[in-house]
């Protein structure tokens, strides 16, 4: 009898930013790191002979849990990687739905499913199943741990005959633990997706339809030069929302400045949409007086779209833009009295660098990430 423990990576950037991360090599969130701690305690005392992990960063970080619990090294295994998403790597799910709604809405629900330029679910089933069988044979009669990803785990369980098709297998939670057994080449489940060790930690899904109407998804595009007035209006709305008036806000100057920024950098102004409606936007300045810094001059959601947890998707878009620009720090200013915004920024990795009159200047480190080949 060979025992195979299967771990899905803890909460990662793609989950909370609602972005399509296959081979995009992003990071765990602070919540994800807490989930790893909980999983390590859950796995303490489980005997393992080997630990194998997808070589993507979010799985290797999660593999710290079985490593801490057992003291064994983690062996990278590319065969356990997530579904490669091709042209959709690091797209928001909102952008994916905008490009092909039916394809995004049926994400990984059948073997023929394939994003543009990507591998198919059938390819994934064959890859993950081959890896699982090879590793099980290598440790026949022993106990191993495989650290992988949501769709990859569903594909593996389908290929091993535990489910008839991938659509039958539900979403496996972040940092969950599964156990299957193999005897005489046949695999059977003991438990799948056990996650009571993280009962007190919120769970997020990056699936395009996750949350439905209660959790809509944004899509983004760069503002055109003739839309500088639109961005300036958003800026004015944000100013009025915080200060209660526009006495110190100059709409003409704001439009001129925005236009100059767009001319200097076509991606400096990002408009956020929910469906066909303008939901908010970002104005990003490659802050010249502080090397490696991208300054968020505007971070706003219109009032209609507040209260749905959408603001975190703006953080994800700003982080992506900073990475593409080669910046290592995101910076912003926020009014001291805007406690709601300060709490949002703190929850998403920003901390106060210093105080400036009635504002706080907050910064967040930007770690590099790219698509693995």
Foldseek 3Di string as FASTA:
>chain_A
DEKEKEWEFFAWLCQQLLADAFLWQGEHAPLSLVLLVLLLVVCAPPDADAEEEAPRHRQLSSVVSVCNRHVHDYHYDNLQTGWFQAPRHGFHLQVVCVVPVVLLQCPLQFQQRHHVRTDGLVVLLVSLLVVVVVVCVVQPPGYYYYYHHFSSVLSNCCSLPADVTSNVDDTQWHRFMWMWDDDPSHIYGPGGNHRPSCVVRDTGGSRQCVPPPLAFTKGKDFDDLVCLLVQLVLVQQVVCVAPVDCPPPDSVVSSVVSSVQCVVPRRQKMFIDGVPHGFGIWGWDCDPVDPLEIETEDQDTHPVPPPSSNSSNVVSVVLVVSQVVRGFKYKYKDFPVPVVVVVVVVSRAWDFPQDDVRITMIMHTRDHIGRDD
